[in-house]
Amino acid sequence: MTIQFLVGVQNAVASLLTETTARLFDLISVCVLTGSVVIIHLVMGIIVVKKWFKQKKTLEANTEKFHSLCDVIDVAWRRKMAEKAAIEASQEQGEKTHVSDNSESGSKDASGKSIHSPGKSKKKKTRHRSKVDTEYQTLRNSNEVGMESSDTAETNLSVA
């Protein structure tokens, strides 16, 4: 719309001039308008490219922060699961020792069953935890496979 306005002004001014000076004015006007359009496109192109590189750099930095945070969370989760497994193993070892001590000493209820027999609820919890662990590892592995196909993941992996 700005170019149409400028062309309209140029035509109005050219109509006031004589024929020889009008042709020269037209030639100068065309050159100025064409040059200004080219310069404006170059400037806008440079601005767009600078913004694109800035956004790309910010995205890569945030992606790297995200992956490092995922690694920290994953390490903490694995440590927590290992601690839970160690606690459960020590508790189960203690229960087995306690059960064997009770069976040796003859601790039985009125029906003759051992008092300290492990319950089914503990087995269900263990199965549930192992199922959750398996699902987590499956999701983690599928995410790693999906990320390896992207260019940014490959650069992040090469940096690490």
N, C-alpha and C. Protein backbone atom coordinates (compact mmCIF):
# COMPACT_ATOMS: atom_id res chain seq x y z
N MET A 1 0.82 -1.18 0.00
CA MET A 1 0.00 0.00 0.00
C MET A 1 0.87 1.25 0.00
N THR A 2 1.99 1.18 0.69
CA THR A 2 2.91 2.32 0.71
C THR A 2 3.47 2.56 -0.68
N ILE A 3 3.79 1.49 -1.38
CA ILE A 3 4.34 1.64 -2.74
C ILE A 3 3.29 2.26 -3.67
N GLN A 4 2.05 1.87 -3.52
CA GLN A 4 0.98 2.47 -4.35
C GLN A 4 0.86 3.96 -4.07
N PHE A 5 0.99 4.35 -2.82
CA PHE A 5 0.93 5.77 -2.46
C PHE A 5 2.10 6.52 -3.11
N LEU A 6 3.29 5.94 -3.03
CA LEU A 6 4.46 6.61 -3.61
C LEU A 6 4.35 6.71 -5.12
N VAL A 7 3.84 5.68 -5.78
CA VAL A 7 3.65 5.73 -7.23
C VAL A 7 2.61 6.79 -7.59
N GLY A 8 1.56 6.90 -6.80
CA GLY A 8 0.55 7.94 -7.04
C GLY A 8 1.13 9.33 -6.90
N VAL A 9 1.95 9.54 -5.89
CA VAL A 9 2.59 10.86 -5.71
C VAL A 9 3.54 11.13 -6.87
N GLN A 10 4.30 10.12 -7.27
CA GLN A 10 5.23 10.26 -8.39
C GLN A 10 4.50 10.64 -9.67
N ASN A 11 3.37 10.00 -9.94
CA ASN A 11 2.59 10.33 -11.14
C ASN A 11 2.03 11.75 -11.06
N ALA A 12 1.63 12.17 -9.89
CA ALA A 12 1.10 13.54 -9.74
C ALA A 12 2.20 14.57 -9.99
N VAL A 13 3.38 14.31 -9.47
CA VAL A 13 4.49 15.24 -9.68
C VAL A 13 4.92 15.21 -11.15
N ALA A 14 4.96 14.03 -11.77
CA ALA A 14 5.38 13.91 -13.16
C ALA A 14 4.40 14.65 -14.09
N SER A 15 3.14 14.70 -13.74
CA SER A 15 2.17 15.40 -14.60
C SER A 15 2.39 16.92 -14.59
N LEU A 16 3.05 17.44 -13.59
CA LEU A 16 3.32 18.87 -13.52
C LEU A 16 4.58 19.26 -14.30
N LEU A 17 5.42 18.29 -14.63
CA LEU A 17 6.68 18.58 -15.33
C LEU A 17 6.49 18.51 -16.84
N THR A 18 7.49 19.03 -17.56
CA THR A 18 7.45 18.93 -19.03
C THR A 18 7.79 17.51 -19.43
N GLU A 19 7.60 17.21 -20.72
CA GLU A 19 7.75 15.83 -21.19
C GLU A 19 9.18 15.32 -21.02
N THR A 20 10.18 16.08 -21.32
CA THR A 20 11.57 15.61 -21.21
C THR A 20 11.99 15.45 -19.75
N THR A 21 11.63 16.39 -18.94
CA THR A 21 11.98 16.26 -17.51
C THR A 21 11.12 15.20 -16.83
N ALA A 22 9.92 14.97 -17.35
CA ALA A 22 9.04 13.94 -16.76
C ALA A 22 9.62 12.56 -16.97
N ARG A 23 10.21 12.30 -18.17
CA ARG A 23 10.83 10.99 -18.41
C ARG A 23 12.01 10.78 -17.49
N LEU A 24 12.82 11.80 -17.31
CA LEU A 24 13.97 11.70 -16.40
C LEU A 24 13.48 11.48 -14.97
N PHE A 25 12.43 12.20 -14.58
CA PHE A 25 11.85 12.03 -13.24
C PHE A 25 11.30 10.61 -13.06
N ASP A 26 10.65 10.08 -14.09
CA ASP A 26 10.14 8.70 -14.03
C ASP A 26 11.27 7.70 -13.84
N LEU A 27 12.34 7.87 -14.59
CA LEU A 27 13.48 6.96 -14.49
C LEU A 27 14.10 7.02 -13.09
N ILE A 28 14.29 8.20 -12.59
CA ILE A 28 14.85 8.36 -11.24
C ILE A 28 13.90 7.76 -10.21
N SER A 29 12.61 8.00 -10.35
CA SER A 29 11.62 7.48 -9.39
C SER A 29 11.60 5.95 -9.39
N VAL A 30 11.66 5.35 -10.60
CA VAL A 30 11.66 3.89 -10.68
C VAL A 30 12.90 3.32 -10.00
N CYS A 31 14.06 3.93 -10.25
CA CYS A 31 15.30 3.46 -9.62
C CYS A 31 15.25 3.59 -8.10
N VAL A 32 14.75 4.72 -7.62
CA VAL A 32 14.66 4.93 -6.17
C VAL A 32 13.69 3.95 -5.54
N LEU A 33 12.52 3.77 -6.15
CA LEU A 33 11.53 2.84 -5.60
C LEU A 33 12.06 1.39 -5.61
N THR A 34 12.68 0.98 -6.71
CA THR A 34 13.22 -0.38 -6.81
C THR A 34 14.34 -0.58 -5.79
N GLY A 35 15.22 0.39 -5.69
CA GLY A 35 16.31 0.30 -4.71
C GLY A 35 15.80 0.24 -3.29
N SER A 36 14.79 1.05 -2.98
CA SER A 36 14.25 1.03 -1.60
C SER A 36 13.56 -0.30 -1.30
N VAL A 37 12.86 -0.87 -2.26
CA VAL A 37 12.21 -2.17 -2.05
C VAL A 37 13.27 -3.25 -1.79
N VAL A 38 14.34 -3.25 -2.59
CA VAL A 38 15.40 -4.24 -2.41
C VAL A 38 16.07 -4.06 -1.05
N ILE A 39 16.38 -2.83 -0.69
CA ILE A 39 17.04 -2.57 0.61
C ILE A 39 16.13 -2.99 1.77
N ILE A 40 14.85 -2.65 1.68
CA ILE A 40 13.91 -3.03 2.75
C ILE A 40 13.85 -4.55 2.88
N HIS A 41 13.81 -5.28 1.76
CA HIS A 41 13.77 -6.74 1.82
C HIS A 41 15.06 -7.31 2.42
N LEU A 42 16.20 -6.75 2.08
CA LEU A 42 17.46 -7.21 2.66
C LEU A 42 17.50 -6.98 4.17
N VAL A 43 17.09 -5.79 4.59
CA VAL A 43 17.09 -5.48 6.03
C VAL A 43 16.14 -6.41 6.77
N MET A 44 14.95 -6.59 6.25
CA MET A 44 13.99 -7.48 6.91
C MET A 44 14.50 -8.92 6.92
N GLY A 45 15.14 -9.36 5.85
CA GLY A 45 15.72 -10.71 5.81
C GLY A 45 16.79 -10.89 6.86
N ILE A 46 17.64 -9.89 7.03
CA ILE A 46 18.68 -9.96 8.06
C ILE A 46 18.07 -10.02 9.45
N ILE A 47 17.06 -9.22 9.70
CA ILE A 47 16.40 -9.22 11.01
C ILE A 47 15.76 -10.59 11.28
N VAL A 48 15.10 -11.16 10.28
CA VAL A 48 14.46 -12.47 10.46
C VAL A 48 15.50 -13.55 10.74
N VAL A 49 16.62 -13.53 10.01
CA VAL A 49 17.66 -14.54 10.22
C VAL A 49 18.27 -14.41 11.61
N LYS A 50 18.51 -13.17 12.07
CA LYS A 50 19.05 -12.97 13.43
C LYS A 50 18.09 -13.52 14.49
N LYS A 51 16.80 -13.23 14.34
CA LYS A 51 15.82 -13.74 15.30
C LYS A 51 15.77 -15.26 15.26
N TRP A 52 15.85 -15.84 14.07
CA TRP A 52 15.81 -17.29 13.93
C TRP A 52 17.00 -17.93 14.63
N PHE A 53 18.22 -17.38 14.45
CA PHE A 53 19.39 -17.93 15.13
C PHE A 53 19.30 -17.78 16.64
N LYS A 54 18.76 -16.63 17.09
CA LYS A 54 18.61 -16.41 18.52
C LYS A 54 17.64 -17.41 19.12
N GLN A 55 16.51 -17.65 18.46
CA GLN A 55 15.53 -18.61 18.95
C GLN A 55 16.09 -20.03 18.92
N LYS A 56 16.85 -20.34 17.89
CA LYS A 56 17.45 -21.67 17.78
C LYS A 56 18.45 -21.90 18.92
N LYS A 57 19.25 -20.89 19.21
CA LYS A 57 20.23 -21.00 20.29
C LYS A 57 19.53 -21.15 21.65
N THR A 58 18.47 -20.39 21.86
CA THR A 58 17.70 -20.49 23.10
C THR A 58 17.05 -21.86 23.23
N LEU A 59 16.50 -22.36 22.14
CA LEU A 59 15.86 -23.68 22.15
C LEU A 59 16.89 -24.78 22.45
N GLU A 60 18.07 -24.70 21.85
CA GLU A 60 19.10 -25.69 22.12
C GLU A 60 19.56 -25.64 23.57
N ALA A 61 19.70 -24.43 24.13
CA ALA A 61 20.11 -24.29 25.53
C ALA A 61 19.04 -24.89 26.45
N ASN A 62 17.78 -24.59 26.17
CA ASN A 62 16.70 -25.13 27.00
C ASN A 62 16.57 -26.64 26.84
N THR A 63 16.81 -27.14 25.63
CA THR A 63 16.78 -28.59 25.41
C THR A 63 17.89 -29.26 26.20
N GLU A 64 19.08 -28.66 26.21
CA GLU A 64 20.20 -29.22 26.97
C GLU A 64 19.88 -29.20 28.47
N LYS A 65 19.28 -28.12 28.96
CA LYS A 65 18.89 -28.06 30.38
C LYS A 65 17.87 -29.15 30.69
N PHE A 66 16.92 -29.34 29.78
CA PHE A 66 15.89 -30.35 29.97
C PHE A 66 16.50 -31.74 30.06
N HIS A 67 17.41 -32.05 29.14
CA HIS A 67 18.02 -33.38 29.14
C HIS A 67 18.88 -33.59 30.39
N SER A 68 19.60 -32.56 30.82
CA SER A 68 20.40 -32.72 32.03
C SER A 68 19.50 -32.89 33.25
N LEU A 69 18.38 -32.18 33.29
CA LEU A 69 17.44 -32.35 34.39
C LEU A 69 16.82 -33.74 34.36
N CYS A 70 16.51 -34.24 33.18
CA CYS A 70 15.98 -35.61 33.06
C CYS A 70 17.00 -36.62 33.58
N ASP A 71 18.27 -36.40 33.27
CA ASP A 71 19.30 -37.31 33.76
C ASP A 71 19.41 -37.26 35.28
N VAL A 72 19.33 -36.06 35.85
CA VAL A 72 19.40 -35.92 37.31
C VAL A 72 18.21 -36.63 37.96
N ILE A 73 17.02 -36.43 37.40
CA ILE A 73 15.82 -37.07 37.94
C ILE A 73 15.92 -38.59 37.80
N ASP A 74 16.44 -39.04 36.66
CA ASP A 74 16.58 -40.48 36.44
C ASP A 74 17.56 -41.09 37.44
N VAL A 75 18.69 -40.43 37.68
CA VAL A 75 19.67 -40.94 38.65
C VAL A 75 19.06 -40.97 40.06
N ALA A 76 18.34 -39.90 40.42
CA ALA A 76 17.71 -39.86 41.75
C ALA A 76 16.66 -40.95 41.87
N TRP A 77 15.89 -41.18 40.82
CA TRP A 77 14.86 -42.21 40.85
C TRP A 77 15.49 -43.59 40.99
N ARG A 78 16.55 -43.84 40.23
CA ARG A 78 17.23 -45.14 40.32
C ARG A 78 17.82 -45.36 41.71
N ARG A 79 18.40 -44.29 42.28
CA ARG A 79 18.96 -44.39 43.63
C ARG A 79 17.85 -44.70 44.64
N LYS A 80 16.72 -44.03 44.50
CA LYS A 80 15.61 -44.25 45.41
C LYS A 80 15.09 -45.68 45.30
N MET A 81 14.97 -46.17 44.06
CA MET A 81 14.50 -47.54 43.86
C MET A 81 15.50 -48.55 44.43
N ALA A 82 16.80 -48.27 44.29
CA ALA A 82 17.81 -49.17 44.85
C ALA A 82 17.75 -49.17 46.37
N GLU A 83 17.54 -47.99 46.95
CA GLU A 83 17.41 -47.91 48.41
C GLU A 83 16.18 -48.68 48.88
N LYS A 84 15.05 -48.52 48.16
CA LYS A 84 13.84 -49.25 48.53
C LYS A 84 14.05 -50.75 48.43
N ALA A 85 14.72 -51.17 47.36
CA ALA A 85 14.98 -52.60 47.18
C ALA A 85 15.87 -53.12 48.30
N ALA A 86 16.88 -52.33 48.70
CA ALA A 86 17.77 -52.76 49.78
C ALA A 86 17.01 -52.84 51.10
N ILE A 87 16.14 -51.87 51.35
CA ILE A 87 15.34 -51.89 52.59
C ILE A 87 14.41 -53.09 52.59
N GLU A 88 13.75 -53.32 51.45
CA GLU A 88 12.82 -54.47 51.37
C GLU A 88 13.57 -55.79 51.52
N ALA A 89 14.77 -55.85 50.93
CA ALA A 89 15.56 -57.09 51.04
C ALA A 89 15.97 -57.32 52.49
N SER A 90 16.37 -56.25 53.16
CA SER A 90 16.77 -56.42 54.56
C SER A 90 15.56 -56.75 55.44
N GLN A 91 14.39 -56.16 55.11
CA GLN A 91 13.19 -56.49 55.87
C GLN A 91 12.77 -57.93 55.62
N GLU A 92 12.85 -58.39 54.38
CA GLU A 92 12.51 -59.77 54.08
C GLU A 92 13.48 -60.73 54.75
N GLN A 93 14.76 -60.35 54.77
CA GLN A 93 15.76 -61.18 55.44
C GLN A 93 15.46 -61.24 56.94
N GLY A 94 15.07 -60.10 57.49
CA GLY A 94 14.72 -60.07 58.92
C GLY A 94 13.48 -60.89 59.20
N GLU A 95 12.48 -60.84 58.30
CA GLU A 95 11.26 -61.63 58.48
C GLU A 95 11.56 -63.12 58.38
N LYS A 96 12.43 -63.51 57.45
CA LYS A 96 12.78 -64.91 57.32
C LYS A 96 13.49 -65.41 58.57
N THR A 97 14.37 -64.57 59.07
CA THR A 97 15.08 -64.94 60.29
C THR A 97 14.10 -65.03 61.44
N HIS A 98 13.18 -64.05 61.49
CA HIS A 98 12.19 -64.03 62.56
C HIS A 98 11.26 -65.24 62.46
N VAL A 99 10.84 -65.58 61.24
CA VAL A 99 9.97 -66.74 61.04
C VAL A 99 10.69 -68.02 61.43
N SER A 100 11.94 -68.15 61.02
CA SER A 100 12.67 -69.38 61.36
C SER A 100 12.90 -69.46 62.86
N ASP A 101 13.13 -68.31 63.51
CA ASP A 101 13.28 -68.32 64.97
C ASP A 101 11.98 -68.75 65.63
N ASN A 102 10.84 -68.23 65.13
CA ASN A 102 9.55 -68.58 65.71
C ASN A 102 9.21 -70.05 65.47
N SER A 103 9.55 -70.55 64.28
CA SER A 103 9.23 -71.94 64.01
C SER A 103 10.09 -72.86 64.85
N GLU A 104 11.31 -72.44 65.15
CA GLU A 104 12.17 -73.26 66.00
C GLU A 104 11.66 -73.25 67.44
N SER A 105 11.18 -72.07 67.87
CA SER A 105 10.72 -71.98 69.25
C SER A 105 9.29 -72.48 69.41
N GLY A 106 8.62 -72.76 68.28
CA GLY A 106 7.28 -73.33 68.35
C GLY A 106 6.20 -72.29 68.50
N SER A 107 6.39 -71.04 67.99
CA SER A 107 5.37 -70.00 68.07
C SER A 107 4.31 -70.27 67.03
N LYS A 108 3.20 -70.82 67.50
CA LYS A 108 2.10 -71.13 66.60
C LYS A 108 0.82 -70.65 67.23
N ASP A 109 -0.15 -70.37 66.36
CA ASP A 109 -1.44 -69.94 66.90
C ASP A 109 -2.26 -71.17 67.28
N ALA A 110 -3.51 -70.93 67.61
CA ALA A 110 -4.37 -72.01 68.11
C ALA A 110 -4.60 -73.10 67.06
N SER A 111 -4.58 -72.73 65.76
CA SER A 111 -4.82 -73.73 64.72
C SER A 111 -3.57 -74.51 64.35
N GLY A 112 -2.41 -74.09 64.87
CA GLY A 112 -1.17 -74.79 64.61
C GLY A 112 -0.36 -74.18 63.48
N LYS A 113 -0.80 -73.04 62.91
CA LYS A 113 -0.05 -72.38 61.85
C LYS A 113 0.98 -71.45 62.47
N SER A 114 2.04 -71.20 61.75
CA SER A 114 3.09 -70.29 62.21
C SER A 114 2.52 -68.87 62.27
N ILE A 115 2.89 -68.13 63.29
CA ILE A 115 2.33 -66.78 63.50
C ILE A 115 2.84 -65.80 62.44
N HIS A 116 4.10 -65.89 62.09
CA HIS A 116 4.72 -64.90 61.20
C HIS A 116 4.90 -65.44 59.79
N SER A 117 3.82 -65.68 59.08
CA SER A 117 3.93 -66.10 57.69
C SER A 117 3.78 -64.86 56.81
N PRO A 118 4.57 -64.75 55.75
CA PRO A 118 4.46 -63.57 54.89
C PRO A 118 3.10 -63.52 54.21
N GLY A 119 2.55 -62.30 54.10
CA GLY A 119 1.23 -62.12 53.52
C GLY A 119 1.28 -61.94 52.02
N LYS A 120 0.11 -62.07 51.38
CA LYS A 120 0.02 -61.91 49.94
C LYS A 120 0.11 -60.45 49.52
N SER A 121 -0.27 -59.52 50.42
CA SER A 121 -0.27 -58.11 50.04
C SER A 121 1.14 -57.65 49.71
N LYS A 122 2.15 -58.14 50.39
CA LYS A 122 3.52 -57.76 50.11
C LYS A 122 3.92 -58.22 48.71
N LYS A 123 3.49 -59.39 48.30
CA LYS A 123 3.80 -59.89 46.97
C LYS A 123 3.13 -59.03 45.91
N LYS A 124 1.89 -58.61 46.16
CA LYS A 124 1.20 -57.77 45.20
C LYS A 124 1.92 -56.44 45.04
N LYS A 125 2.39 -55.84 46.14
CA LYS A 125 3.11 -54.58 46.06
C LYS A 125 4.39 -54.75 45.26
N THR A 126 5.10 -55.85 45.50
CA THR A 126 6.34 -56.10 44.78
C THR A 126 6.05 -56.27 43.29
N ARG A 127 5.00 -57.01 42.95
CA ARG A 127 4.64 -57.17 41.55
C ARG A 127 4.27 -55.83 40.92
N HIS A 128 3.51 -55.03 41.66
CA HIS A 128 3.11 -53.71 41.15
C HIS A 128 4.34 -52.85 40.92
N ARG A 129 5.29 -52.85 41.87
CA ARG A 129 6.49 -52.05 41.71
C ARG A 129 7.31 -52.52 40.51
N SER A 130 7.44 -53.81 40.34
CA SER A 130 8.21 -54.30 39.21
C SER A 130 7.51 -53.96 37.90
N LYS A 131 6.17 -53.97 37.89
CA LYS A 131 5.42 -53.59 36.69
C LYS A 131 5.65 -52.12 36.38
N VAL A 132 5.63 -51.27 37.42
CA VAL A 132 5.87 -49.84 37.22
C VAL A 132 7.30 -49.62 36.74
N ASP A 133 8.25 -50.33 37.32
CA ASP A 133 9.64 -50.22 36.89
C ASP A 133 9.79 -50.60 35.43
N THR A 134 9.13 -51.68 35.03
CA THR A 134 9.21 -52.13 33.65
C THR A 134 8.58 -51.12 32.71
N GLU A 135 7.43 -50.57 33.09
CA GLU A 135 6.78 -49.56 32.25
C GLU A 135 7.65 -48.31 32.13
N TYR A 136 8.26 -47.90 33.24
CA TYR A 136 9.13 -46.73 33.22
C TYR A 136 10.31 -46.95 32.28
N GLN A 137 10.95 -48.11 32.38
CA GLN A 137 12.10 -48.40 31.53
C GLN A 137 11.68 -48.46 30.06
N THR A 138 10.51 -49.02 29.78
CA THR A 138 10.02 -49.08 28.41
C THR A 138 9.81 -47.68 27.86
N LEU A 139 9.16 -46.81 28.64
CA LEU A 139 8.96 -45.44 28.20
C LEU A 139 10.28 -44.71 28.04
N ARG A 140 11.18 -44.90 28.95
CA ARG A 140 12.49 -44.24 28.89
C ARG A 140 13.25 -44.68 27.64
N ASN A 141 13.22 -45.98 27.36
CA ASN A 141 13.92 -46.48 26.18
C ASN A 141 13.27 -45.99 24.89
N SER A 142 11.94 -45.94 24.85
CA SER A 142 11.26 -45.45 23.64
C SER A 142 11.54 -43.97 23.42
N ASN A 143 11.63 -43.19 24.50
CA ASN A 143 11.97 -41.78 24.36
C ASN A 143 13.39 -41.61 23.87
N GLU A 144 14.31 -42.44 24.36
CA GLU A 144 15.69 -42.34 23.91
C GLU A 144 15.80 -42.70 22.44
N VAL A 145 15.07 -43.70 21.99
CA VAL A 145 15.10 -44.09 20.58
C VAL A 145 14.52 -42.98 19.73
N GLY A 146 13.43 -42.37 20.17
CA GLY A 146 12.81 -41.28 19.42
C GLY A 146 13.68 -40.05 19.35
N MET A 147 14.41 -39.77 20.43
CA MET A 147 15.24 -38.58 20.46
C MET A 147 16.49 -38.77 19.61
N GLU A 148 16.98 -40.00 19.47
CA GLU A 148 18.19 -40.21 18.70
C GLU A 148 17.99 -39.88 17.23
N SER A 149 16.77 -39.90 16.75
CA SER A 149 16.52 -39.61 15.35
C SER A 149 16.53 -38.13 15.05
N SER A 150 16.40 -37.27 16.05
CA SER A 150 16.38 -35.84 15.80
C SER A 150 17.80 -35.29 15.79
N ASP A 151 17.97 -34.21 15.05
CA ASP A 151 19.30 -33.60 14.93
C ASP A 151 19.77 -33.02 16.25
N THR A 152 18.87 -32.36 16.99
CA THR A 152 19.28 -31.73 18.24
C THR A 152 19.69 -32.77 19.27
N ALA A 153 19.03 -33.91 19.27
CA ALA A 153 19.40 -34.96 20.21
C ALA A 153 20.78 -35.49 19.89
N GLU A 154 21.11 -35.61 18.60
CA GLU A 154 22.42 -36.09 18.23
C GLU A 154 23.49 -35.11 18.65
N THR A 155 23.25 -33.81 18.51
CA THR A 155 24.25 -32.84 18.94
C THR A 155 24.36 -32.84 20.46
N ASN A 156 23.25 -32.99 21.16
CA ASN A 156 23.30 -33.04 22.62
C ASN A 156 24.04 -34.27 23.10
N LEU A 157 23.84 -35.39 22.44
CA LEU A 157 24.54 -36.61 22.85
C LEU A 157 26.02 -36.50 22.56
N SER A 158 26.40 -35.84 21.46
CA SER A 158 27.82 -35.71 21.16
C SER A 158 28.49 -34.75 22.14
N VAL A 159 27.75 -33.74 22.63
CA VAL A 159 28.31 -32.83 23.62
C VAL A 159 28.52 -33.53 24.93
N ALA A 160 27.54 -34.35 25.34
CA ALA A 160 27.66 -35.06 26.61
C ALA A 160 28.68 -36.14 26.48
